[in-house]
Protein backbone atom coordinates (compact mmCIF):
# COMPACT_ATOMS: atom_id res chain seq x y z
CA MET A 1 0.00 0.00 0.00
CA GLY A 2 1.44 3.32 -1.02
CA LYS A 3 -0.83 5.72 0.87
CA PRO A 4 0.04 6.89 4.40
CA TYR A 5 -3.66 6.88 5.37
CA LEU A 6 -6.61 4.74 4.37
CA THR A 7 -10.28 5.63 4.35
CA PRO A 8 -13.18 3.41 5.41
CA GLU A 9 -13.91 2.93 1.70
CA ASP A 10 -10.34 1.65 1.22
CA LEU A 11 -10.89 -0.83 4.05
CA ARG A 12 -14.05 -2.04 2.33
CA GLU A 13 -11.86 -3.15 -0.58
CA LEU A 14 -9.35 -4.85 1.74
CA LEU A 15 -11.65 -6.54 4.25
CA PRO A 16 -14.64 -8.83 3.72
CA TYR A 17 -16.98 -6.47 5.61
CA SER A 18 -19.63 -3.93 4.68
CA LEU A 19 -19.16 -0.21 5.33
CA PRO A 20 -21.63 -0.20 8.25
CA VAL A 21 -19.59 -2.92 9.97
CA ILE A 22 -16.34 -1.07 9.29
CA TYR A 23 -17.77 2.17 10.71
CA ARG A 24 -19.07 0.31 13.77
CA GLU A 25 -15.61 -1.12 14.45
CA LEU A 26 -13.97 2.27 13.89
CA LYS A 27 -16.36 3.89 16.39
CA ALA A 28 -15.69 1.08 18.88
CA GLY A 29 -11.93 1.56 18.51
CA THR A 30 -11.35 -1.98 17.29
CA ILE A 31 -9.70 -0.72 14.11
CA PRO A 32 -7.04 1.93 14.86
CA SER A 33 -7.97 5.32 13.42
CA ILE A 34 -7.75 9.07 13.73
CA ARG A 35 -10.90 11.16 13.64
CA LEU A 36 -10.63 14.42 11.69
CA GLY A 37 -13.93 16.20 12.03
CA ARG A 38 -16.46 13.66 10.76
CA ARG A 39 -13.93 11.65 8.76
CA TYR A 40 -12.02 8.57 9.86
CA MET A 41 -8.43 8.28 8.68
CA ILE A 42 -6.67 4.99 9.28
CA PRO A 43 -2.85 5.16 9.35
CA THR A 44 -1.60 2.45 7.00
CA ALA A 45 1.18 1.36 9.37
CA ALA A 46 -1.27 1.04 12.29
CA PHE A 47 -3.73 -0.89 10.12
CA ASP A 48 -1.00 -3.27 8.93
CA ALA A 49 0.12 -3.86 12.53
CA TRP A 50 -3.48 -4.42 13.67
CA LEU A 51 -4.11 -6.86 10.83
CA ALA A 52 -0.90 -8.77 11.63
CA SER A 53 -1.91 -8.99 15.31
CA CYS A 54 -5.12 -10.76 14.32
CA GLY A 55 -3.10 -13.84 13.37
CA PRO A 56 -3.59 -16.27 10.52
CA PRO A 57 -7.14 -17.21 9.56
CA ARG A 58 -8.51 -20.31 11.26
CA SER A 59 -9.59 -23.20 9.09
CA ALA A 60 -13.26 -24.10 9.18
CA ALA A 61 -13.06 -27.66 10.45
């Protein structure tokens, strides 16, 4: 990723979740973000670290 910040719309392309779910998790603080007025900006480095901390996906056994 080349951008220093991502938007919720960018996350929609990267994660298998709808925008309402992404906004809910941003408001809850689950996904690291910075609030600028009414906009959420997600630092790319913080998002990458958060995603890595989630661990590998579990297999559906």
